[in-house]
Amino acid sequence: MKESESTPDTGIEIYISGRVQGVFFRQFTKDAAIDLGLTGYVQNLPDGRVRVVAEGSQEKLNKLIDKLHSGPSLANVENVDVNWYEPTEKFTDFHVRH
């Protein structure tokens, strides 16, 4: 597990739609975010989408976004909606919210 960055540059809130639940999308996202040293969380939404909130450097967040466009092998990503925001610095790790 890589150490997360001490002060994130920026944050993103992402909504991914398509076949993204029941295909290990949350674990895929968590693994990618931890590997990139990001903080935040991923969760399934009742409407079938996956929500990701992550903070870190813009470069690393862009790498995460690229990975989310394809997702794990069983996923079929139709749309990735990204909203950038000022970092809150309230996250200490990256986890799955249930």
PDB file of N, CA and C in Angstrom:
ATOM      1  N   MET A   1       0.841  -1.175   0.000  1.00  0.00           N
ATOM      2  CA  MET A   1       0.000   0.000   0.000  1.00  0.00           C
ATOM      3  C   MET A   1       0.890   1.244   0.000  1.00  0.00           C
ATOM      4  N   LYS A   2       0.615   2.130  -0.923  1.00  0.00           N
ATOM      5  CA  LYS A   2       1.419   3.349  -1.021  1.00  0.00           C
ATOM      6  C   LYS A   2       0.865   4.410  -0.087  1.00  0.00           C
ATOM      7  N   GLU A   3       1.761   5.234   0.400  1.00  0.00           N
ATOM      8  CA  GLU A   3       1.348   6.322   1.280  1.00  0.00           C
ATOM      9  C   GLU A   3       0.588   7.374   0.487  1.00  0.00           C
ATOM     10  N   SER A   4      -0.470   7.888   1.063  1.00  0.00           N
ATOM     11  CA  SER A   4      -1.215   8.938   0.377  1.00  0.00           C
ATOM     12  C   SER A   4      -0.468  10.260   0.497  1.00  0.00           C
ATOM     13  N   GLU A   5      -0.772  11.140  -0.400  1.00  0.00           N
ATOM     14  CA  GLU A   5      -0.108  12.446  -0.402  1.00  0.00           C
ATOM     15  C   GLU A   5      -0.550  13.243   0.808  1.00  0.00           C
ATOM     16  N   SER A   6       0.332  14.088   1.316  1.00  0.00           N
ATOM     17  CA  SER A   6       0.001  14.836   2.520  1.00  0.00           C
ATOM     18  C   SER A   6      -0.985  15.975   2.248  1.00  0.00           C
ATOM     19  N   THR A   7      -0.821  16.686   1.152  1.00  0.00           N
ATOM     20  CA  THR A   7      -1.722  17.782   0.827  1.00  0.00           C
ATOM     21  C   THR A   7      -2.207  17.639  -0.614  1.00  0.00           C
ATOM     22  N   PRO A   8      -3.478  17.266  -0.799  1.00  0.00           N
ATOM     23  CA  PRO A   8      -3.980  17.104  -2.166  1.00  0.00           C
ATOM     24  C   PRO A   8      -4.093  18.446  -2.893  1.00  0.00           C
ATOM     25  N   ASP A   9      -3.804  18.430  -4.193  1.00  0.00           N
ATOM     26  CA  ASP A   9      -3.921  19.633  -5.023  1.00  0.00           C
ATOM     27  C   ASP A   9      -5.373  19.941  -5.360  1.00  0.00           C
ATOM     28  N   THR A  10      -6.135  18.884  -5.608  1.00  0.00           N
ATOM     29  CA  THR A  10      -7.501  19.050  -6.081  1.00  0.00           C
ATOM     30  C   THR A  10      -8.314  17.801  -5.767  1.00  0.00           C
ATOM     31  N   GLY A  11      -9.601  17.870  -6.044  1.00  0.00           N
ATOM     32  CA  GLY A  11     -10.476  16.735  -5.801  1.00  0.00           C
ATOM     33  C   GLY A  11     -11.418  16.525  -6.969  1.00  0.00           C
ATOM     34  N   ILE A  12     -11.950  15.309  -7.062  1.00  0.00           N
ATOM     35  CA  ILE A  12     -12.921  14.994  -8.112  1.00  0.00           C
ATOM     36  C   ILE A  12     -14.074  14.191  -7.528  1.00  0.00           C
ATOM     37  N   GLU A  13     -15.229  14.428  -8.088  1.00  0.00           N
ATOM     38  CA  GLU A  13     -16.407  13.614  -7.825  1.00  0.00           C
ATOM     39  C   GLU A  13     -16.806  13.061  -9.184  1.00  0.00           C
ATOM     40  N   ILE A  14     -16.870  11.735  -9.278  1.00  0.00           N
ATOM     41  CA  ILE A  14     -17.110  11.078 -10.559  1.00  0.00           C
ATOM     42  C   ILE A  14     -18.343  10.190 -10.442  1.00  0.00           C
ATOM     43  N   TYR A  15     -19.165  10.215 -11.474  1.00  0.00           N
ATOM     44  CA  TYR A  15     -20.308   9.309 -11.571  1.00  0.00           C
ATOM     45  C   TYR A  15     -20.114   8.458 -12.816  1.00  0.00           C
ATOM     46  N   ILE A  16     -20.054   7.136 -12.630  1.00  0.00           N
ATOM     47  CA  ILE A  16     -19.833   6.212 -13.739  1.00  0.00           C
ATOM     48  C   ILE A  16     -21.117   5.422 -13.962  1.00  0.00           C
ATOM     49  N   SER A  17     -21.565   5.377 -15.206  1.00  0.00           N
ATOM     50  CA  SER A  17     -22.779   4.623 -15.529  1.00  0.00           C
ATOM     51  C   SER A  17     -22.475   3.559 -16.563  1.00  0.00           C
ATOM     52  N   GLY A  18     -23.399   2.621 -16.684  1.00  0.00           N
ATOM     53  CA  GLY A  18     -23.242   1.463 -17.562  1.00  0.00           C
ATOM     54  C   GLY A  18     -23.390   0.209 -16.712  1.00  0.00           C
ATOM     55  N   ARG A  19     -22.767  -0.881 -17.153  1.00  0.00           N
ATOM     56  CA  ARG A  19     -22.765  -2.090 -16.318  1.00  0.00           C
ATOM     57  C   ARG A  19     -21.557  -1.968 -15.388  1.00  0.00           C
ATOM     58  N   VAL A  20     -21.785  -1.334 -14.232  1.00  0.00           N
ATOM     59  CA  VAL A  20     -20.683  -1.022 -13.322  1.00  0.00           C
ATOM     60  C   VAL A  20     -20.928  -1.525 -11.900  1.00  0.00           C
ATOM     61  N   GLN A  21     -22.046  -2.199 -11.662  1.00  0.00           N
ATOM     62  CA  GLN A  21     -22.290  -2.804 -10.355  1.00  0.00           C
ATOM     63  C   GLN A  21     -22.312  -4.317 -10.522  1.00  0.00           C
ATOM     64  N   GLY A  22     -21.760  -5.017  -9.534  1.00  0.00           N
ATOM     65  CA  GLY A  22     -21.700  -6.478  -9.586  1.00  0.00           C
ATOM     66  C   GLY A  22     -20.598  -6.996 -10.493  1.00  0.00           C
ATOM     67  N   VAL A  23     -19.649  -6.136 -10.845  1.00  0.00           N
ATOM     68  CA  VAL A  23     -18.554  -6.529 -11.744  1.00  0.00           C
ATOM     69  C   VAL A  23     -17.190  -6.159 -11.138  1.00  0.00           C
ATOM     70  N   PHE A  24     -17.132  -6.023  -9.810  1.00  0.00           N
ATOM     71  CA  PHE A  24     -15.898  -5.693  -9.072  1.00  0.00           C
ATOM     72  C   PHE A  24     -15.381  -4.288  -9.366  1.00  0.00           C
ATOM     73  N   PHE A  25     -16.285  -3.377  -9.774  1.00  0.00           N
ATOM     74  CA  PHE A  25     -15.877  -2.015 -10.102  1.00  0.00           C
ATOM     75  C   PHE A  25     -15.343  -1.272  -8.882  1.00  0.00           C
ATOM     76  N   ARG A  26     -15.992  -1.447  -7.742  1.00  0.00           N
ATOM     77  CA  ARG A  26     -15.532  -0.743  -6.541  1.00  0.00           C
ATOM     78  C   ARG A  26     -14.131  -1.206  -6.132  1.00  0.00           C
ATOM     79  N   GLN A  27     -13.891  -2.517  -6.156  1.00  0.00           N
ATOM     80  CA  GLN A  27     -12.570  -3.021  -5.780  1.00  0.00           C
ATOM     81  C   GLN A  27     -11.513  -2.572  -6.786  1.00  0.00           C
ATOM     82  N   PHE A  28     -11.862  -2.589  -8.079  1.00  0.00           N
ATOM     83  CA  PHE A  28     -10.964  -2.117  -9.134  1.00  0.00           C
ATOM     84  C   PHE A  28     -10.575  -0.661  -8.872  1.00  0.00           C
ATOM     85  N   THR A  29     -11.572   0.162  -8.537  1.00  0.00           N
ATOM     86  CA  THR A  29     -11.342   1.585  -8.281  1.00  0.00           C
ATOM     87  C   THR A  29     -10.484   1.782  -7.035  1.00  0.00           C
ATOM     88  N   LYS A  30     -10.801   1.051  -5.975  1.00  0.00           N
ATOM     89  CA  LYS A  30     -10.023   1.158  -4.740  1.00  0.00           C
ATOM     90  C   LYS A  30      -8.565   0.798  -4.990  1.00  0.00           C
ATOM     91  N   ASP A  31      -8.321  -0.316  -5.674  1.00  0.00           N
ATOM     92  CA  ASP A  31      -6.953  -0.743  -5.956  1.00  0.00           C
ATOM     93  C   ASP A  31      -6.197   0.304  -6.772  1.00  0.00           C
ATOM     94  N   ALA A  32      -6.859   0.849  -7.789  1.00  0.00           N
ATOM     95  CA  ALA A  32      -6.220   1.864  -8.640  1.00  0.00           C
ATOM     96  C   ALA A  32      -5.914   3.124  -7.845  1.00  0.00           C
ATOM     97  N   ALA A  33      -6.856   3.560  -7.020  1.00  0.00           N
ATOM     98  CA  ALA A  33      -6.668   4.784  -6.234  1.00  0.00           C
ATOM     99  C   ALA A  33      -5.543   4.623  -5.219  1.00  0.00           C
ATOM    100  N   ILE A  34      -5.505   3.488  -4.553  1.00  0.00           N
ATOM    101  CA  ILE A  34      -4.438   3.244  -3.570  1.00  0.00           C
ATOM    102  C   ILE A  34      -3.091   3.195  -4.280  1.00  0.00           C
ATOM    103  N   ASP A  35      -3.032   2.542  -5.428  1.00  0.00           N
ATOM    104  CA  ASP A  35      -1.786   2.463  -6.185  1.00  0.00           C
ATOM    105  C   ASP A  35      -1.290   3.856  -6.590  1.00  0.00           C
ATOM    106  N   LEU A  36      -2.226   4.768  -6.849  1.00  0.00           N
ATOM    107  CA  LEU A  36      -1.877   6.138  -7.238  1.00  0.00           C
ATOM    108  C   LEU A  36      -1.648   7.058  -6.033  1.00  0.00           C
ATOM    109  N   GLY A  37      -1.904   6.570  -4.830  1.00  0.00           N
ATOM    110  CA  GLY A  37      -1.703   7.381  -3.634  1.00  0.00           C
ATOM    111  C   GLY A  37      -2.808   8.392  -3.385  1.00  0.00           C
ATOM    112  N   LEU A  38      -4.024   8.090  -3.855  1.00  0.00           N
ATOM    113  CA  LEU A  38      -5.156   9.001  -3.689  1.00  0.00           C
ATOM    114  C   LEU A  38      -5.932   8.674  -2.421  1.00  0.00           C
ATOM    115  N   THR A  39      -6.710   9.630  -1.945  1.00  0.00           N
ATOM    116  CA  THR A  39      -7.596   9.411  -0.808  1.00  0.00           C
ATOM    117  C   THR A  39      -9.034   9.641  -1.253  1.00  0.00           C
ATOM    118  N   GLY A  40      -9.981   9.078  -0.503  1.00  0.00           N
ATOM    119  CA  GLY A  40     -11.394   9.259  -0.819  1.00  0.00           C
ATOM    120  C   GLY A  40     -12.155   7.959  -0.681  1.00  0.00           C
ATOM    121  N   TYR A  41     -13.184   7.785  -1.523  1.00  0.00           N
ATOM    122  CA  TYR A  41     -13.990   6.571  -1.432  1.00  0.00           C
ATOM    123  C   TYR A  41     -14.707   6.292  -2.751  1.00  0.00           C
ATOM    124  N   VAL A  42     -15.230   5.068  -2.846  1.00  0.00           N
ATOM    125  CA  VAL A  42     -16.057   4.640  -3.979  1.00  0.00           C
ATOM    126  C   VAL A  42     -17.290   3.966  -3.397  1.00  0.00           C
ATOM    127  N   GLN A  43     -18.447   4.159  -4.039  1.00  0.00           N
ATOM    128  CA  GLN A  43     -19.675   3.543  -3.554  1.00  0.00           C
ATOM    129  C   GLN A  43     -20.639   3.280  -4.699  1.00  0.00           C
ATOM    130  N   ASN A  44     -21.468   2.235  -4.538  1.00  0.00           N
ATOM    131  CA  ASN A  44     -22.564   1.980  -5.459  1.00  0.00           C
ATOM    132  C   ASN A  44     -23.716   2.905  -5.097  1.00  0.00           C
ATOM    133  N   LEU A  45     -24.437   3.369  -6.106  1.00  0.00           N
ATOM    134  CA  LEU A  45     -25.616   4.197  -5.886  1.00  0.00           C
ATOM    135  C   LEU A  45     -26.870   3.389  -6.208  1.00  0.00           C
ATOM    136  N   PRO A  46     -27.999   3.726  -5.591  1.00  0.00           N
ATOM    137  CA  PRO A  46     -29.242   2.989  -5.830  1.00  0.00           C
ATOM    138  C   PRO A  46     -29.690   3.002  -7.295  1.00  0.00           C
ATOM    139  N   ASP A  47     -29.280   4.016  -8.062  1.00  0.00           N
ATOM    140  CA  ASP A  47     -29.714   4.109  -9.470  1.00  0.00           C
ATOM    141  C   ASP A  47     -28.837   3.298 -10.426  1.00  0.00           C
ATOM    142  N   GLY A  48     -27.881   2.523  -9.887  1.00  0.00           N
ATOM    143  CA  GLY A  48     -27.050   1.667 -10.727  1.00  0.00           C
ATOM    144  C   GLY A  48     -25.698   2.258 -11.091  1.00  0.00           C
ATOM    145  N   ARG A  49     -25.478   3.521 -10.748  1.00  0.00           N
ATOM    146  CA  ARG A  49     -24.182   4.136 -11.035  1.00  0.00           C
ATOM    147  C   ARG A  49     -23.204   3.869  -9.890  1.00  0.00           C
ATOM    148  N   VAL A  50     -21.941   4.183 -10.157  1.00  0.00           N
ATOM    149  CA  VAL A  50     -20.904   4.150  -9.129  1.00  0.00           C
ATOM    150  C   VAL A  50     -20.423   5.584  -8.935  1.00  0.00           C
ATOM    151  N   ARG A  51     -20.257   5.978  -7.681  1.00  0.00           N
ATOM    152  CA  ARG A  51     -19.764   7.320  -7.340  1.00  0.00           C
ATOM    153  C   ARG A  51     -18.358   7.189  -6.769  1.00  0.00           C
ATOM    154  N   VAL A  52     -17.458   8.042  -7.246  1.00  0.00           N
ATOM    155  CA  VAL A  52     -16.092   8.077  -6.746  1.00  0.00           C
ATOM    156  C   VAL A  52     -15.792   9.504  -6.287  1.00  0.00           C
ATOM    157  N   VAL A  53     -15.272   9.635  -5.087  1.00  0.00           N
ATOM    158  CA  VAL A  53     -14.783  10.920  -4.582  1.00  0.00           C
ATOM    159  C   VAL A  53     -13.317  10.696  -4.249  1.00  0.00           C
ATOM    160  N   ALA A  54     -12.437  11.464  -4.882  1.00  0.00           N
ATOM    161  CA  ALA A  54     -11.005  11.255  -4.680  1.00  0.00           C
ATOM    162  C   ALA A  54     -10.274  12.588  -4.641  1.00  0.00           C
ATOM    163  N   GLU A  55      -9.183  12.611  -3.875  1.00  0.00           N
ATOM    164  CA  GLU A  55      -8.350  13.800  -3.779  1.00  0.00           C
ATOM    165  C   GLU A  55      -6.887  13.406  -3.953  1.00  0.00           C
ATOM    166  N   GLY A  56      -6.124  14.316  -4.559  1.00  0.00           N
ATOM    167  CA  GLY A  56      -4.710  14.084  -4.796  1.00  0.00           C
ATOM    168  C   GLY A  56      -4.194  15.067  -5.827  1.00  0.00           C
ATOM    169  N   SER A  57      -3.104  14.724  -6.493  1.00  0.00           N
ATOM    170  CA  SER A  57      -2.574  15.608  -7.531  1.00  0.00           C
ATOM    171  C   SER A  57      -3.425  15.483  -8.792  1.00  0.00           C
ATOM    172  N   GLN A  58      -3.475  16.551  -9.565  1.00  0.00           N
ATOM    173  CA  GLN A  58      -4.270  16.530 -10.790  1.00  0.00           C
ATOM    174  C   GLN A  58      -3.771  15.442 -11.734  1.00  0.00           C
ATOM    175  N   GLU A  59      -2.464  15.251 -11.810  1.00  0.00           N
ATOM    176  CA  GLU A  59      -1.901  14.223 -12.687  1.00  0.00           C
ATOM    177  C   GLU A  59      -2.389  12.828 -12.295  1.00  0.00           C
ATOM    178  N   LYS A  60      -2.363  12.525 -11.006  1.00  0.00           N
ATOM    179  CA  LYS A  60      -2.785  11.202 -10.549  1.00  0.00           C
ATOM    180  C   LYS A  60      -4.299  11.022 -10.667  1.00  0.00           C
ATOM    181  N   LEU A  61      -5.049  12.077 -10.439  1.00  0.00           N
ATOM    182  CA  LEU A  61      -6.498  11.992 -10.611  1.00  0.00           C
ATOM    183  C   LEU A  61      -6.853  11.753 -12.075  1.00  0.00           C
ATOM    184  N   ASN A  62      -6.122  12.385 -12.992  1.00  0.00           N
ATOM    185  CA  ASN A  62      -6.353  12.139 -14.415  1.00  0.00           C
ATOM    186  C   ASN A  62      -6.052  10.691 -14.782  1.00  0.00           C
ATOM    187  N   LYS A  63      -5.031  10.104 -14.163  1.00  0.00           N
ATOM    188  CA  LYS A  63      -4.723   8.680 -14.401  1.00  0.00           C
ATOM    189  C   LYS A  63      -5.867   7.799 -13.911  1.00  0.00           C
ATOM    190  N   LEU A  64      -6.448   8.150 -12.750  1.00  0.00           N
ATOM    191  CA  LEU A  64      -7.589   7.389 -12.240  1.00  0.00           C
ATOM    192  C   LEU A  64      -8.766   7.500 -13.206  1.00  0.00           C
ATOM    193  N   ILE A  65      -9.046   8.709 -13.670  1.00  0.00           N
ATOM    194  CA  ILE A  65     -10.147   8.907 -14.615  1.00  0.00           C
ATOM    195  C   ILE A  65      -9.951   8.031 -15.854  1.00  0.00           C
ATOM    196  N   ASP A  66      -8.723   7.993 -16.381  1.00  0.00           N
ATOM    197  CA  ASP A  66      -8.434   7.149 -17.546  1.00  0.00           C
ATOM    198  C   ASP A  66      -8.759   5.687 -17.262  1.00  0.00           C
ATOM    199  N   LYS A  67      -8.378   5.202 -16.088  1.00  0.00           N
ATOM    200  CA  LYS A  67      -8.642   3.809 -15.727  1.00  0.00           C
ATOM    201  C   LYS A  67     -10.139   3.543 -15.599  1.00  0.00           C
ATOM    202  N   LEU A  68     -10.885   4.521 -15.085  1.00  0.00           N
ATOM    203  CA  LEU A  68     -12.323   4.336 -14.874  1.00  0.00           C
ATOM    204  C   LEU A  68     -13.098   4.292 -16.185  1.00  0.00           C
ATOM    205  N   HIS A  69     -12.529   4.847 -17.251  1.00  0.00           N
ATOM    206  CA  HIS A  69     -13.206   4.787 -18.552  1.00  0.00           C
ATOM    207  C   HIS A  69     -13.315   3.356 -19.074  1.00  0.00           C
ATOM    208  N   SER A  70     -12.388   2.484 -18.665  1.00  0.00           N
ATOM    209  CA  SER A  70     -12.476   1.088 -19.095  1.00  0.00           C
ATOM    210  C   SER A  70     -12.988   0.195 -17.973  1.00  0.00           C
ATOM    211  N   GLY A  71     -12.525   0.435 -16.744  1.00  0.00           N
ATOM    212  CA  GLY A  71     -12.977  -0.359 -15.616  1.00  0.00           C
ATOM    213  C   GLY A  71     -12.450  -1.781 -15.668  1.00  0.00           C
ATOM    214  N   PRO A  72     -12.955  -2.639 -14.777  1.00  0.00           N
ATOM    215  CA  PRO A  72     -12.544  -4.042 -14.786  1.00  0.00           C
ATOM    216  C   PRO A  72     -13.098  -4.759 -16.016  1.00  0.00           C
ATOM    217  N   SER A  73     -12.586  -5.948 -16.281  1.00  0.00           N
ATOM    218  CA  SER A  73     -12.921  -6.654 -17.530  1.00  0.00           C
ATOM    219  C   SER A  73     -14.410  -6.935 -17.707  1.00  0.00           C
ATOM    220  N   LEU A  74     -15.159  -7.147 -16.643  1.00  0.00           N
ATOM    221  CA  LEU A  74     -16.585  -7.468 -16.762  1.00  0.00           C
ATOM    222  C   LEU A  74     -17.476  -6.234 -16.903  1.00  0.00           C
ATOM    223  N   ALA A  75     -16.910  -5.062 -16.706  1.00  0.00           N
ATOM    224  CA  ALA A  75     -17.699  -3.819 -16.763  1.00  0.00           C
ATOM    225  C   ALA A  75     -17.931  -3.376 -18.201  1.00  0.00           C
ATOM    226  N   ASN A  76     -18.996  -2.593 -18.376  1.00  0.00           N
ATOM    227  CA  ASN A  76     -19.279  -1.929 -19.642  1.00  0.00           C
ATOM    228  C   ASN A  76     -19.587  -0.471 -19.300  1.00  0.00           C
ATOM    229  N   VAL A  77     -18.554   0.361 -19.329  1.00  0.00           N
ATOM    230  CA  VAL A  77     -18.695   1.765 -18.943  1.00  0.00           C
ATOM    231  C   VAL A  77     -19.311   2.539 -20.095  1.00  0.00           C
ATOM    232  N   GLU A  78     -20.441   3.206 -19.829  1.00  0.00           N
ATOM    233  CA  GLU A  78     -21.120   4.007 -20.849  1.00  0.00           C
ATOM    234  C   GLU A  78     -20.812   5.496 -20.701  1.00  0.00           C
ATOM    235  N   ASN A  79     -20.675   5.964 -19.461  1.00  0.00           N
ATOM    236  CA  ASN A  79     -20.441   7.386 -19.253  1.00  0.00           C
ATOM    237  C   ASN A  79     -19.640   7.613 -17.980  1.00  0.00           C
ATOM    238  N   VAL A  80     -18.723   8.572 -18.043  1.00  0.00           N
ATOM    239  CA  VAL A  80     -17.936   8.985 -16.877  1.00  0.00           C
ATOM    240  C   VAL A  80     -18.089  10.496 -16.762  1.00  0.00           C
ATOM    241  N   ASP A  81     -18.800  10.927 -15.733  1.00  0.00           N
ATOM    242  CA  ASP A  81     -19.073  12.349 -15.511  1.00  0.00           C
ATOM    243  C   ASP A  81     -18.183  12.832 -14.373  1.00  0.00           C
ATOM    244  N   VAL A  82     -17.281  13.785 -14.670  1.00  0.00           N
ATOM    245  CA  VAL A  82     -16.284  14.249 -13.698  1.00  0.00           C
ATOM    246  C   VAL A  82     -16.548  15.694 -13.302  1.00  0.00           C
ATOM    247  N   ASN A  83     -16.560  15.941 -12.008  1.00  0.00           N
ATOM    248  CA  ASN A  83     -16.667  17.298 -11.464  1.00  0.00           C
ATOM    249  C   ASN A  83     -15.459  17.541 -10.573  1.00  0.00           C
ATOM    250  N   TRP A  84     -14.706  18.601 -10.861  1.00  0.00           N
ATOM    251  CA  TRP A  84     -13.527  18.957 -10.070  1.00  0.00           C
ATOM    252  C   TRP A  84     -13.945  19.887  -8.941  1.00  0.00           C
ATOM    253  N   TYR A  85     -13.262  19.802  -7.804  1.00  0.00           N
ATOM    254  CA  TYR A  85     -13.557  20.682  -6.671  1.00  0.00           C
ATOM    255  C   TYR A  85     -12.282  20.956  -5.874  1.00  0.00           C
ATOM    256  N   GLU A  86     -12.340  21.969  -5.023  1.00  0.00           N
ATOM    257  CA  GLU A  86     -11.232  22.274  -4.121  1.00  0.00           C
ATOM    258  C   GLU A  86     -11.142  21.148  -3.093  1.00  0.00           C
ATOM    259  N   PRO A  87      -9.943  20.646  -2.805  1.00  0.00           N
ATOM    260  CA  PRO A  87      -9.828  19.505  -1.887  1.00  0.00           C
ATOM    261  C   PRO A  87     -10.269  19.857  -0.471  1.00  0.00           C
ATOM    262  N   THR A  88     -10.903  18.893   0.172  1.00  0.00           N
ATOM    263  CA  THR A  88     -11.357  19.082   1.552  1.00  0.00           C
ATOM    264  C   THR A  88     -10.307  18.617   2.554  1.00  0.00           C
ATOM    265  N   GLU A  89      -9.424  17.749   2.106  1.00  0.00           N
ATOM    266  CA  GLU A  89      -8.370  17.168   2.949  1.00  0.00           C
ATOM    267  C   GLU A  89      -8.936  16.423   4.145  1.00  0.00           C
ATOM    268  N   LYS A  90     -10.173  15.924   4.037  1.00  0.00           N
ATOM    269  CA  LYS A  90     -10.767  15.202   5.158  1.00  0.00           C
ATOM    270  C   LYS A  90     -10.572  13.691   5.073  1.00  0.00           C
ATOM    271  N   PHE A  91      -9.995  13.198   3.983  1.00  0.00           N
ATOM    272  CA  PHE A  91      -9.795  11.758   3.822  1.00  0.00           C
ATOM    273  C   PHE A  91      -8.370  11.372   4.214  1.00  0.00           C
ATOM    274  N   THR A  92      -8.240  10.224   4.862  1.00  0.00           N
ATOM    275  CA  THR A  92      -6.923   9.743   5.252  1.00  0.00           C
ATOM    276  C   THR A  92      -6.513   8.503   4.461  1.00  0.00           C
ATOM    277  N   ASP A  93      -7.470   7.884   3.775  1.00  0.00           N
ATOM    278  CA  ASP A  93      -7.185   6.702   2.965  1.00  0.00           C
ATOM    279  C   ASP A  93      -8.211   6.623   1.838  1.00  0.00           C
ATOM    280  N   PHE A  94      -8.193   5.535   1.091  1.00  0.00           N
ATOM    281  CA  PHE A  94      -9.211   5.315   0.066  1.00  0.00           C
ATOM    282  C   PHE A  94      -9.924   4.020   0.418  1.00  0.00           C
ATOM    283  N   HIS A  95     -11.253   4.078   0.458  1.00  0.00           N
ATOM    284  CA  HIS A  95     -12.019   2.916   0.898  1.00  0.00           C
ATOM    285  C   HIS A  95     -13.329   2.764   0.116  1.00  0.00           C
ATOM    286  N   VAL A  96     -13.954   1.610   0.299  1.00  0.00           N
ATOM    287  CA  VAL A  96     -15.263   1.337  -0.282  1.00  0.00           C
ATOM    288  C   VAL A  96     -16.314   1.702   0.754  1.00  0.00           C
ATOM    289  N   ARG A  97     -17.279   2.520   0.333  1.00  0.00           N
ATOM    290  CA  ARG A  97     -18.421   2.838   1.212  1.00  0.00           C
ATOM    291  C   ARG A  97     -19.551   1.903   0.864  1.00  0.00           C
ATOM    292  N   HIS A  98     -20.190   1.378   1.887  1.00  0.00           N
ATOM    293  CA  HIS A  98     -21.325   0.454   1.671  1.00  0.00           C
ATOM    294  C   HIS A  98     -22.622   1.129   2.032  1.00  0.00           C
TER     295      HIS A  98
END
